[in-house]
Amino acid sequence: MITVHIVDDHKILVEGLKKLVDNSGFARTTAVSYTGKDCLWKLNFEQPQVILLDINLPDWSGIDLCNVIKEKYPQVKVVALTSYSEYSIVRQMLENGASGYIIKNAMPEEILLGLQAVTNNETFLCEEIDLLMNKRSLEQIWLTPREKVLLKYIVDGYTNPEIAEQMFLAVDTINNYRKKLLCKLNARNTAVLVRIALEQKLV
């Protein structure tokens, strides 16, 4: 069972989210907080696997709160659940350690998919945000922290099995990440990928 802590000051939305999570069959809500302060206080006693975090809280910016949570509890996955869909905000949130970003008008199924993905150590972006991030031109390539680490290993000449060992992931997972990187950087092969990474100073 995936344990979930919902942090949002809109009580009606929280009730709907709680119902969605608790009826999923694979996740349950273990805590609800309406402020950042309340969230941090509750985390002293119980850490969930995933925090669904609104960015616009009455007492705190979710972007800053995400950073604090990840510093204190690195094992907890944070998924932004917000109405903001600006590139700079998404980027800040992910750079501060969020594992996922979902906008509030996303399909309920996407929220549940997000919970499953982040607990499998994947980065999850809802469809609209994924399109937004991939629309950026090559000069503004955005890579997740994990993709940056992977790219560095590739540039340094590590093989997929070696990278898998270093990153504590399955070789199949590394293969998938590598394919995604080739696609993101519009590279035909590894040699082109390395050249782009060095030219664009991505590592």
Protein backbone atom coordinates (compact mmCIF):
# COMPACT_ATOMS: atom_id res chain seq x y z
CA MET A 1 0.00 0.00 0.00
CA ILE A 2 1.40 3.39 -1.01
CA THR A 3 1.06 5.83 1.89
CA VAL A 4 0.08 9.38 0.91
CA HIS A 5 0.09 12.73 2.75
CA ILE A 6 -2.04 15.44 1.05
CA VAL A 7 -0.96 19.06 1.56
CA ASP A 8 -3.48 21.61 0.22
CA ASP A 9 -5.56 24.37 1.75
CA HIS A 10 -8.68 23.72 -0.39
CA LYS A 11 -10.75 21.42 1.81
CA ILE A 12 -13.19 20.32 -0.91
CA LEU A 13 -10.30 19.36 -3.20
CA VAL A 14 -8.59 17.53 -0.34
CA GLU A 15 -11.77 15.48 0.30
CA GLY A 16 -11.93 14.53 -3.38
CA LEU A 17 -8.24 13.58 -3.47
CA LYS A 18 -8.54 11.57 -0.28
CA LYS A 19 -11.45 9.61 -1.75
CA LEU A 20 -9.55 9.04 -5.03
CA VAL A 21 -6.46 7.75 -3.19
CA ASP A 22 -8.35 5.62 -0.66
CA ASN A 23 -10.53 4.00 -3.35
CA SER A 24 -7.56 3.21 -5.62
CA GLY A 25 -6.94 -0.24 -4.12
CA PHE A 26 -3.19 0.37 -3.93
CA ALA A 27 -2.80 3.59 -1.91
CA ARG A 28 -4.19 5.14 1.27
CA THR A 29 -4.15 8.62 2.77
CA THR A 30 -2.27 8.63 6.08
CA ALA A 31 -2.34 12.41 6.71
CA VAL A 32 -3.85 15.67 5.48
CA SER A 33 -2.35 19.14 6.06
CA TYR A 34 -3.77 22.55 5.15
CA THR A 35 -0.55 24.54 5.76
CA GLY A 36 3.17 24.03 5.28
CA LYS A 37 3.79 24.32 9.03
CA ASP A 38 1.19 21.63 9.74
CA CYS A 39 2.80 19.37 7.13
CA LEU A 40 6.30 19.66 8.67
CA TRP A 41 4.92 19.09 12.17
CA LYS A 42 3.15 15.88 11.08
CA LEU A 43 6.26 14.64 9.24
CA ASN A 44 8.08 14.59 12.60
CA PHE A 45 5.85 11.67 13.59
CA GLU A 46 5.16 9.83 10.34
CA GLN A 47 6.70 9.95 6.90
CA PRO A 48 4.57 8.77 3.98
CA GLN A 49 5.95 7.35 0.77
CA VAL A 50 4.43 10.22 -1.25
CA ILE A 51 3.40 13.79 -0.48
CA LEU A 52 0.89 15.42 -2.84
CA LEU A 53 1.90 19.05 -2.42
CA ASP A 54 0.13 22.22 -3.54
CA ILE A 55 2.50 25.06 -4.48
CA ASN A 56 0.25 27.88 -3.29
CA LEU A 57 -0.12 27.39 0.48
CA PRO A 58 -1.33 30.12 2.86
CA ASP A 59 1.90 30.20 4.88
CA TRP A 60 4.56 28.83 2.58
CA SER A 61 5.65 28.43 -1.02
CA GLY A 62 5.38 24.78 -2.00
CA ILE A 63 8.61 25.20 -3.98
CA ASP A 64 10.55 26.09 -0.80
CA LEU A 65 8.67 23.54 1.28
CA CYS A 66 9.59 20.80 -1.20
CA ASN A 67 13.26 21.67 -0.71
CA VAL A 68 12.94 21.51 3.10
CA ILE A 69 11.09 18.17 2.97
CA LYS A 70 13.67 16.59 0.65
CA GLU A 71 16.55 17.78 2.82
CA LYS A 72 15.00 16.36 6.00
CA TYR A 73 13.37 13.27 4.50
CA PRO A 74 15.14 12.37 1.22
CA GLN A 75 13.28 9.06 0.98
CA VAL A 76 9.87 10.79 0.75
CA LYS A 77 8.65 11.40 -2.81
CA VAL A 78 7.07 14.79 -3.45
CA VAL A 79 4.53 15.27 -6.25
CA ALA A 80 3.42 18.82 -6.99
CA LEU A 81 -0.34 19.01 -7.47
CA THR A 82 -1.12 22.55 -8.48
CA SER A 83 -2.87 24.89 -10.90
CA TYR A 84 0.45 26.45 -12.03
CA SER A 85 1.68 25.29 -15.41
CA GLU A 86 4.53 27.77 -16.06
CA TYR A 87 7.81 26.28 -17.25
CA SER A 88 9.93 28.14 -14.66
CA ILE A 89 7.79 26.92 -11.75
CA VAL A 90 7.81 23.31 -12.96
CA ARG A 91 11.57 23.50 -13.37
CA GLN A 92 12.13 24.99 -9.89
CA MET A 93 9.94 22.35 -8.31
CA LEU A 94 11.80 19.50 -10.00
CA GLU A 95 15.18 21.04 -9.23
CA ASN A 96 14.13 21.22 -5.56
CA GLY A 97 13.63 17.47 -5.56
CA ALA A 98 10.02 16.86 -6.63
CA SER A 99 9.55 13.49 -8.33
CA GLY A 100 6.38 14.52 -10.13
CA TYR A 101 4.29 17.44 -11.33
CA ILE A 102 0.55 17.22 -11.96
CA ILE A 103 -1.85 20.06 -12.67
CA LYS A 104 -5.18 20.09 -10.88
CA ASN A 105 -7.29 19.72 -14.01
CA ALA A 106 -5.45 16.50 -14.95
CA MET A 107 -7.45 13.29 -15.20
CA PRO A 108 -7.84 11.44 -11.86
CA GLU A 109 -6.11 8.46 -13.51
CA GLU A 110 -3.00 10.61 -14.01
CA ILE A 111 -2.80 11.34 -10.29
CA LEU A 112 -2.94 7.62 -9.50
CA LEU A 113 -0.41 6.84 -12.25
CA GLY A 114 1.84 9.50 -10.74
CA LEU A 115 1.71 7.86 -7.31
CA GLN A 116 2.73 4.51 -8.79
CA ALA A 117 5.47 5.99 -10.98
CA VAL A 118 7.24 7.98 -8.25
CA THR A 119 7.21 5.05 -5.81
CA ASN A 120 9.02 3.13 -8.58
CA ASN A 121 11.69 5.87 -8.56
CA GLU A 122 10.48 7.38 -11.83
CA THR A 123 9.84 11.05 -12.56
CA PHE A 124 6.19 11.64 -13.47
CA LEU A 125 4.82 14.61 -15.40
CA CYS A 126 1.15 14.78 -16.33
CA GLU A 127 0.50 14.94 -20.07
CA GLU A 128 0.13 18.72 -20.29
CA ILE A 129 3.35 19.38 -18.35
CA ASP A 130 5.25 16.72 -20.29
CA LEU A 131 4.29 18.47 -23.54
CA LEU A 132 5.28 21.85 -22.07
CA MET A 133 8.74 20.60 -21.02
CA ASN A 134 9.39 18.88 -24.34
CA LYS A 135 8.37 21.97 -26.34
CA ARG A 136 11.42 23.88 -25.15
CA SER A 137 14.05 24.36 -27.81
CA LEU A 138 17.39 22.54 -27.74
CA GLU A 139 19.00 25.59 -26.14
CA GLN A 140 16.68 25.11 -23.18
CA ILE A 141 16.85 21.35 -22.76
CA TRP A 142 15.47 20.39 -19.39
CA LEU A 143 16.74 17.21 -17.77
CA THR A 144 15.56 15.66 -14.53
CA PRO A 145 18.25 15.25 -11.82
CA ARG A 146 18.34 11.52 -12.58
CA GLU A 147 18.76 12.11 -16.33
CA LYS A 148 21.68 14.46 -15.60
CA VAL A 149 23.41 11.76 -13.55
CA LEU A 150 22.80 9.17 -16.28
CA LEU A 151 24.07 11.52 -18.99
CA LYS A 152 27.27 12.14 -17.00
CA TYR A 153 27.90 8.38 -16.81
CA ILE A 154 27.27 8.03 -20.56
CA VAL A 155 29.67 10.90 -21.35
CA ASP A 156 32.26 9.27 -19.07
CA GLY A 157 31.98 6.08 -21.13
CA TYR A 158 30.21 3.77 -18.68
CA THR A 159 28.23 0.83 -20.11
CA ASN A 160 24.53 0.30 -19.26
CA PRO A 161 25.24 -2.53 -16.76
CA GLU A 162 27.90 -0.37 -15.06
CA ILE A 163 25.51 2.60 -14.88
CA ALA A 164 22.75 0.35 -13.51
CA GLU A 165 25.10 -0.77 -10.73
CA GLN A 166 26.15 2.80 -9.89
CA MET A 167 22.56 4.10 -9.86
CA PHE A 168 21.06 1.02 -8.11
CA LEU A 169 18.60 0.48 -10.96
CA ALA A 170 17.77 -2.41 -13.30
CA VAL A 171 19.59 -2.53 -16.65
CA ASP A 172 16.19 -2.38 -18.41
CA THR A 173 15.41 0.86 -16.56
CA ILE A 174 18.73 2.35 -17.69
CA ASN A 175 17.98 1.26 -21.28
CA ASN A 176 14.63 3.09 -21.09
CA TYR A 177 16.21 6.23 -19.62
CA ARG A 178 18.90 6.17 -22.33
CA LYS A 179 16.25 5.91 -25.06
CA LYS A 180 14.37 8.82 -23.50
CA LEU A 181 17.58 10.89 -23.42
CA LEU A 182 18.29 10.16 -27.11
CA CYS A 183 14.75 11.28 -27.90
CA LYS A 184 14.91 14.41 -25.69
CA LEU A 185 18.22 15.55 -27.16
CA ASN A 186 17.19 14.51 -30.68
CA ALA A 187 20.33 12.36 -30.98
CA ARG A 188 20.60 9.44 -33.43
CA ASN A 189 23.12 7.52 -31.33
CA THR A 190 25.31 7.69 -28.24
CA ALA A 191 28.16 9.51 -30.01
CA VAL A 192 25.78 12.31 -31.06
CA LEU A 193 24.27 12.33 -27.55
CA VAL A 194 27.72 12.85 -25.99
CA ARG A 195 28.57 15.63 -28.47
CA ILE A 196 25.30 17.49 -27.77
CA ALA A 197 25.76 17.05 -23.99
CA LEU A 198 29.24 18.63 -24.17
CA GLU A 199 28.26 21.37 -26.63
CA GLN A 200 25.21 22.35 -24.58
CA LYS A 201 27.18 22.03 -21.30
CA LEU A 202 24.54 19.66 -19.94
CA VAL A 203 27.10 17.81 -17.79
